[in-house]
Amino acid sequence: MKLQYHKGKNFGDELNPLIWNHFLPGYFNGHDEVNFLGIGSILGFGNKYSGKKIVLSSGFGDGAQSTYGRLPQDHQDYDFICVRGPLTAQLLNLSDKQWVTDGAILLADMQLSFRPDPKHISFMPHVGSMVFYDHQKMCQELGWNFIDPTSGIDEVIYQMSQSKLLVTEAMHGAIVADTFRIPWIPYVGYKTINAFKWQDWCASMQLKYEPLILKPYFSEVKSKELLAEKLNAKGLSILLPLISPILKLVMNRNWKYNMRKLKSLETLGSGQLSRDEIFDDRLKAMKEKIVEFKRIYPIENYG
C-alpha cells in the first residue's frame, strides 16, 4: 500500500506521514497497487494513481479545477471509508455516514514532545501567499509571532503550541489550532484561497466560515514584477515607469488598511473554536473509521 499526498513543502500535506504512520504502522510499504489517500484536497487527482484508491478523510477544492483537478466520475476503483466533510460527500453522492472531518484531528490523540504554552498571537499565511510580501515584517510591527507554513512539520506544530490565538489563511492552520483547542480567526488576503474546502471542513465541525477580508498586498519588488508581466503581455511595457509610482501608493494604502484591520483583532474577540462535544464526537468517529479500515484491510495483507 502506498501513502499518497501532495509532496510540496507545506504544513498540511506534511501531516500525512506523521499521522498515518502513527495510527497505521506497517501499512505503507510503497507498493502502489493499492493507494491510500489521506489528508489534503487531493480527490481531484485520484485518477492519476493506478489501481485501487482507499480514501480516509480526503477532501476536494471545488471551483478551482486548475489547482485541485476534477472529481472522479467512476468510483469503481475507490473505497470511500470517509471524506473530509458533507460538501465533498454531496458532490460524490456519498451518504452522511461517509464523511467525518479532516484527519488532522487525530493529532489530539498523539503525544507531543513539548508542553503547550499559549503566550503569543500567531499569524500563519497560506503557502501560496508567502512570495507576495514579507509577512514576518508585518508581524514584527504588530508584535505577533510569525509562523512560516514551509518551515517543517515539527517547527510549525511547536509554534502553534505556543499560541493563544492563531490568525490564519491556511486551512490546516485552523484545523490544527482547533485540534489543540487554540482559538483561531481565518483571513483571506488573495483570490487564490479556496472557500469550498474551508466551508467543507467548517461544516464538518458545525462552524461557519466567515473570514476577515484583507486587501491584496504585494511587496514593491513583487508589484513591479506582476505589473511588468501584465503590461508585457499587452505590449504596453512602455507604461511601466508611469504606472509603478501609482501602484506603490495603492500598495502603501493597502498595507495601512490591513495593519489597522489586523490590529483590531486584539480587541474585537478571541477567535472561534468548535464546541467540545462536537470535537469529541468527530475525534471518536475518526478513530472508529481507522478501526473500520483495519478490519477491511488487515495488516497481514499489506505489511
Foldseek 3Di string as FASTA:
>chain_A
DAEDFDPDLFQQRVVRCVQCCVLPPLQHPPDQLEYEYAAEQAQQPVVVRPHAYEYAAHHHQPPCCVVRHHHDPDCPRYDQLAYAFDVRCVVVVHDPLRYFHHPLLCVLVDDDPDAQAADFAEEEEGQVCVQFDDVVVLCVVLVGHYAYRSPDNNVNLNVLSHHQEYEYCDLVSVVVCLSVVRFYAYADQDPPRRVVVSCRRCVSLVHDRDHHYAYHAGDLVVVLVVVCVVCVVVVNNVCSVVCSVVVVVVRVVSSVVVSVSVSCVVPPDRHDHRDPVSSVVSNVSSSVSSVVVCVVPPSVNRD
